[in-house]
Amino acid sequence: MSFPESPYLDEDDGALRIKGTRVGIEPIVSSFNEGLTPEQIAGGFPTVTLAQVYGAIAYYLENRQLIDDDMAASQRELDKIPALSESNPELFARLEAARRQMGSKRA
């Protein structure tokens, strides 16, 4: 998928990222759609400026359908990946046992 150019975003291997950072547009858009303010969003990403957050939101609003479709396609791909408990139950059981053991050490 090809995205329109933006002064705030770079396209890297088909993913949109805030220029000069490794922060993708998806967490910015998700936070915005959850009702967070640009100031709150910027506070969660130390490498992103408030202006970059506003730029990413403006880009999203101008290209909403394209971004929403891309995010939905990414989610469908993630949904195809089996959970660790299904793909490797032995490893999952060992990790769960280690997690429980670490939890009991903290108490």
Protein backbone atom coordinates (compact mmCIF):
# COMPACT_ATOMS: atom_id res chain seq x y z
CA MET A 1 0.00 0.00 0.00
CA SER A 2 1.30 3.45 -0.85
CA PHE A 3 0.46 6.43 1.31
CA PRO A 4 0.34 10.13 0.37
CA GLU A 5 3.43 12.11 1.42
CA SER A 6 3.52 14.05 4.66
CA PRO A 7 5.98 16.45 6.27
CA TYR A 8 5.43 14.61 9.58
CA LEU A 9 5.54 10.96 8.49
CA ASP A 10 7.87 8.59 6.68
CA GLU A 11 6.85 5.35 5.03
CA ASP A 12 9.14 2.51 6.04
CA ASP A 13 8.47 -0.94 4.54
CA GLY A 14 4.80 -0.09 4.15
CA ALA A 15 4.44 1.30 7.67
CA LEU A 16 3.94 4.95 8.50
CA ARG A 17 6.23 6.31 11.21
CA ILE A 18 6.70 9.72 12.76
CA LYS A 19 9.65 11.33 10.94
CA GLY A 20 12.92 10.76 12.74
CA THR A 21 11.46 8.23 15.17
CA ARG A 22 10.46 4.58 15.29
CA VAL A 23 6.96 5.50 16.48
CA GLY A 24 4.29 4.29 14.09
CA ILE A 25 1.11 6.16 13.31
CA GLU A 26 -1.04 3.32 14.69
CA PRO A 27 -0.53 4.04 18.41
CA ILE A 28 -1.07 7.75 17.79
CA VAL A 29 -4.32 7.08 15.91
CA SER A 30 -5.50 4.51 18.44
CA SER A 31 -4.87 6.91 21.31
CA PHE A 32 -6.64 9.70 19.45
CA ASN A 33 -9.64 7.46 18.72
CA GLU A 34 -9.75 6.48 22.42
CA GLY A 35 -10.21 10.16 23.29
CA LEU A 36 -6.72 11.12 24.44
CA THR A 37 -5.65 14.69 23.73
CA PRO A 38 -2.61 15.39 21.56
CA GLU A 39 -0.83 16.58 24.72
CA GLN A 40 -1.55 13.28 26.47
CA ILE A 41 -0.42 11.32 23.42
CA ALA A 42 2.82 13.30 23.12
CA GLY A 43 3.46 12.71 26.82
CA GLY A 44 3.47 8.97 26.18
CA PHE A 45 6.14 9.17 23.49
CA PRO A 46 9.30 10.99 24.63
CA THR A 47 10.77 11.04 21.11
CA VAL A 48 7.68 12.66 19.55
CA THR A 49 6.91 16.38 19.71
CA LEU A 50 3.45 17.82 20.17
CA ALA A 51 3.65 19.26 16.65
CA GLN A 52 4.40 15.80 15.26
CA VAL A 53 1.36 14.37 17.08
CA TYR A 54 -0.85 17.11 15.64
CA GLY A 55 0.66 16.45 12.20
CA ALA A 56 0.00 12.71 12.47
CA ILE A 57 -3.59 13.35 13.58
CA ALA A 58 -4.15 15.82 10.73
CA TYR A 59 -2.73 13.27 8.28
CA TYR A 60 -5.02 10.61 9.71
CA LEU A 61 -8.08 12.84 9.41
CA GLU A 62 -7.20 13.65 5.80
CA ASN A 63 -6.64 9.97 4.97
CA ARG A 64 -8.94 8.29 7.47
CA GLN A 65 -10.29 5.52 5.25
CA LEU A 66 -6.84 4.59 3.95
CA ILE A 67 -5.33 4.45 7.45
CA ASP A 68 -8.33 2.62 8.95
CA ASP A 69 -8.20 0.04 6.14
CA ASP A 70 -4.45 -0.45 6.65
CA MET A 71 -4.84 -0.84 10.41
CA ALA A 72 -7.68 -3.33 9.90
CA ALA A 73 -5.52 -5.35 7.48
CA SER A 74 -2.67 -5.38 10.01
CA GLN A 75 -5.05 -6.59 12.72
CA ARG A 76 -6.33 -9.37 10.47
CA GLU A 77 -2.73 -10.52 9.94
CA LEU A 78 -2.08 -10.48 13.69
CA ASP A 79 -5.27 -12.45 14.29
CA LYS A 80 -3.93 -15.22 12.03
CA ILE A 81 -0.94 -15.80 14.33
CA PRO A 82 -1.77 -18.53 16.82
CA ALA A 83 -1.37 -17.79 20.52
CA LEU A 84 1.75 -19.22 22.14
CA SER A 85 -0.45 -21.47 24.25
CA GLU A 86 -1.70 -23.05 21.00
CA SER A 87 1.46 -23.03 18.90
CA ASN A 88 3.87 -24.19 21.60
CA PRO A 89 2.00 -25.38 24.70
CA GLU A 90 5.15 -26.80 26.32
CA LEU A 91 6.98 -23.47 26.14
CA PHE A 92 3.86 -21.66 27.29
CA ALA A 93 3.59 -23.93 30.35
CA ARG A 94 7.25 -23.32 31.24
CA LEU A 95 6.81 -19.56 30.91
CA GLU A 96 3.67 -19.64 33.05
CA ALA A 97 5.49 -21.67 35.72
CA ALA A 98 8.39 -19.17 35.71
CA ARG A 99 5.92 -16.26 35.95
CA ARG A 100 4.21 -17.83 38.95
CA GLN A 101 7.57 -18.53 40.59
CA MET A 102 8.69 -14.92 40.10
CA GLY A 103 5.36 -13.71 41.49
CA SER A 104 5.78 -15.78 44.63
CA LYS A 105 9.29 -14.32 45.19
CA ARG A 106 7.88 -10.78 45.15
CA ALA A 107 5.30 -11.49 47.85
